[in-house]
Each structure stands twice: as structure tokens, then as C-alpha cells.
Amino acid sequence: MGAFLHPCEGELVCSRLPSQSKIPYFNAPIFLENKTQIGKVDEILGPLNEVFFTVKLQDGVPATSFKANDKVYIAPDKLLPLDRFLPKPKGAKVEKPLGRQGMVAKRGGGGRGGARGGFGGRGGARGGGFGGRGG
């Protein structure tokens, strides 16, 4: 998955190997070659073509015990594909139906706008009221 670069504030700074095209999950467990867990992914840094990540080490694992280019490993199910971070291409444009197709008649009015009474139209009703019909 990655190679150790240097320690920083008790954590490991690692780079993704060029052969790897996936991005690690946050908090994904990180292992040595012998499958001992050394910590978890803490931060992910850098551009998509040159990803770095930091590893928060478990208690009892000192950051100074690693040498430059030591390999670190991650479970394959804890990796995200690179295209998840890229913008999606626009799909083919779907033609919308023309004319009155798809218009839904509103209650009390045809498909042509508001009511034809003498009131309303500009602004809302004044006063409280209950909006009911009649007197």
C-alpha cells in the first residue's frame, strides 16, 4: 500500500506506492508485512496523483523504530477507488415531453395559471383568517 517517509509528532508519514491506484479509508488499520497491526490511517494528504497519509500508531509502537521506505500494508476492502474522488461526466441529455404532457391540473383551476376572480394576485391576504370559504 505505502512506504514510510518520516516520523512527525509521534505519527508516521507515508506515501502511496505508484503501483497503487486506490485511496485508503480513514481509520483503516495499517499492518506490517508480518500482519501485525501498527496503527490506523489518521489523515490523507496531497493531490490525487500523489497521495500521502499519516498513521496514528498504537500504544507501544514508537515512530522512530521505522526506516525510510519501510512498507506498510492495508486490507484491500479498506481502499476506495480513485474515480470516487473525480467529477462524474455529464450523462446524455434526456428530452423533456412537449405540450401539455406531464402537466397536472391543480385543484380549482385549469392548467393555465391562477384564479380569475377580482381579488388576490398581488400580495397575500391581509389579516389572519382561517382561509376557509364563506361569509
Protein backbone atom coordinates (compact mmCIF):
# COMPACT_ATOMS: atom_id res chain seq x y z
CA MET A 1 0.00 0.00 0.00
CA GLY A 2 2.55 2.58 1.06
CA ALA A 3 6.08 3.39 2.05
CA PHE A 4 7.21 5.11 5.25
CA LEU A 5 8.77 8.55 4.65
CA HIS A 6 9.47 10.05 8.10
CA PRO A 7 8.06 10.38 11.61
CA CYS A 8 6.10 13.51 12.56
CA GLU A 9 4.81 14.26 16.08
CA GLY A 10 4.69 10.57 17.00
CA GLU A 11 2.92 9.53 13.79
CA LEU A 12 4.18 8.05 10.53
CA VAL A 13 4.01 9.98 7.27
CA CYS A 14 3.71 7.55 4.36
CA SER A 15 3.35 7.87 0.60
CA ARG A 16 1.12 5.71 -1.54
CA LEU A 17 3.10 3.39 -3.80
CA PRO A 18 2.95 4.34 -7.52
CA SER A 19 1.55 0.88 -8.35
CA GLN A 20 -1.43 1.53 -6.04
CA SER A 21 -4.36 3.42 -7.58
CA LYS A 22 -6.68 3.47 -4.58
CA ILE A 23 -7.12 5.77 -1.58
CA PRO A 24 -7.24 4.41 1.99
CA TYR A 25 -10.27 4.85 4.25
CA PHE A 26 -9.89 7.00 7.35
CA ASN A 27 -9.24 4.86 10.45
CA ALA A 28 -8.34 1.85 8.28
CA PRO A 29 -5.94 -0.48 10.12
CA ILE A 30 -2.32 -0.44 8.89
CA PHE A 31 -0.15 -3.56 9.10
CA LEU A 32 3.46 -4.61 8.68
CA GLU A 33 4.42 -7.37 6.27
CA ASN A 34 4.06 -9.96 9.06
CA LYS A 35 0.40 -8.84 9.51
CA THR A 36 0.88 -7.16 12.89
CA GLN A 37 -1.27 -4.08 13.20
CA ILE A 38 0.78 -0.95 13.93
CA GLY A 39 -1.91 1.72 13.80
CA LYS A 40 -4.69 3.39 11.82
CA VAL A 41 -4.89 5.89 8.97
CA ASP A 42 -5.31 9.32 10.55
CA GLU A 43 -5.02 11.92 7.76
CA ILE A 44 -4.94 11.77 3.96
CA LEU A 45 -2.95 14.47 2.20
CA GLY A 46 -1.85 15.67 -1.21
CA PRO A 47 -3.25 15.67 -4.74
CA LEU A 48 -4.95 12.60 -6.21
CA ASN A 49 -1.91 11.66 -8.29
CA GLU A 50 0.46 11.79 -5.29
CA VAL A 51 -1.36 10.72 -2.13
CA PHE A 52 0.25 10.79 1.32
CA PHE A 53 -1.26 9.59 4.56
CA THR A 54 -0.39 9.65 8.24
CA VAL A 55 -0.64 6.64 10.53
CA LYS A 56 -1.59 7.11 14.19
CA LEU A 57 0.42 4.39 15.90
CA GLN A 58 -0.85 2.02 18.58
CA ASP A 59 0.49 2.31 22.11
CA GLY A 60 3.94 0.78 22.42
CA VAL A 61 4.90 1.29 18.75
CA PRO A 62 7.45 4.14 18.51
CA ALA A 63 7.59 6.13 15.26
CA THR A 64 11.39 6.15 15.42
CA SER A 65 11.53 2.35 15.00
CA PHE A 66 10.83 2.62 11.24
CA LYS A 67 13.34 3.21 8.46
CA ALA A 68 12.74 5.18 5.27
CA ASN A 69 10.89 3.19 2.57
CA ASP A 70 9.65 0.53 5.03
CA LYS A 71 6.48 -0.90 3.50
CA VAL A 72 3.11 -0.64 5.25
CA TYR A 73 0.03 -2.60 4.24
CA ILE A 74 -3.73 -2.18 4.35
CA ALA A 75 -6.64 -4.60 3.82
CA PRO A 76 -7.96 -4.37 0.22
CA ASP A 77 -11.52 -3.82 1.45
CA LYS A 78 -10.37 -0.62 3.19
CA LEU A 79 -9.46 1.14 -0.06
CA LEU A 80 -11.60 3.48 -2.17
CA PRO A 81 -11.30 3.65 -5.97
CA LEU A 82 -9.77 6.85 -7.35
CA ASP A 83 -12.80 7.62 -9.56
CA ARG A 84 -14.85 8.17 -6.37
CA PHE A 85 -12.94 11.46 -5.98
CA LEU A 86 -13.16 12.58 -9.60
CA PRO A 87 -16.06 14.62 -11.04
CA LYS A 88 -18.69 12.50 -12.74
CA PRO A 89 -19.09 13.02 -16.51
CA LYS A 90 -22.38 14.56 -17.59
CA GLY A 91 -24.85 12.00 -18.92
CA ALA A 92 -26.68 12.22 -22.24
CA LYS A 93 -29.39 14.87 -22.19
CA VAL A 94 -32.90 13.48 -21.85
CA GLU A 95 -35.54 15.20 -23.95
CA LYS A 96 -38.47 16.55 -21.98
CA PRO A 97 -42.05 16.00 -23.19
CA LEU A 98 -43.54 18.92 -25.08
CA GLY A 99 -47.01 20.43 -24.99
CA ARG A 100 -49.41 19.59 -22.18
CA GLN A 101 -47.89 16.20 -21.46
CA GLY A 102 -46.86 15.88 -17.88
CA MET A 103 -48.93 18.88 -16.70
CA VAL A 104 -51.01 18.14 -13.67
CA ALA A 105 -54.28 20.04 -13.27
CA LYS A 106 -54.39 21.92 -9.99
CA ARG A 107 -57.43 21.87 -7.76
CA GLY A 108 -59.94 24.52 -8.77
CA GLY A 109 -58.05 25.87 -11.74
CA GLY A 110 -57.23 24.59 -15.17
CA GLY A 111 -53.68 24.25 -16.34
CA ARG A 112 -53.44 28.00 -17.03
CA GLY A 113 -52.38 29.95 -14.03
CA GLY A 114 -54.29 31.34 -11.07
CA ALA A 115 -57.90 32.08 -10.26
CA ARG A 116 -59.86 34.61 -12.33
CA GLY A 117 -61.54 36.48 -9.51
CA GLY A 118 -61.15 40.18 -8.79
CA PHE A 119 -59.14 39.77 -5.59
CA GLY A 120 -55.73 38.34 -4.96
CA GLY A 121 -52.92 38.33 -7.42
CA ARG A 122 -50.80 41.00 -5.74
CA GLY A 123 -49.55 40.20 -2.28
CA GLY A 124 -51.13 37.93 0.25
CA ALA A 125 -54.44 38.25 2.06
CA ARG A 126 -54.49 40.85 4.83
CA GLY A 127 -55.48 39.81 8.27
CA GLY A 128 -55.44 36.42 9.94
CA GLY A 129 -58.46 34.43 8.98
CA PHE A 130 -58.66 30.75 8.55
CA GLY A 131 -58.62 30.66 4.76
CA GLY A 132 -61.98 28.94 4.65
CA ARG A 133 -64.86 29.53 2.26
CA GLY A 134 -67.97 31.52 3.00
CA GLY A 135 -69.02 34.61 4.81
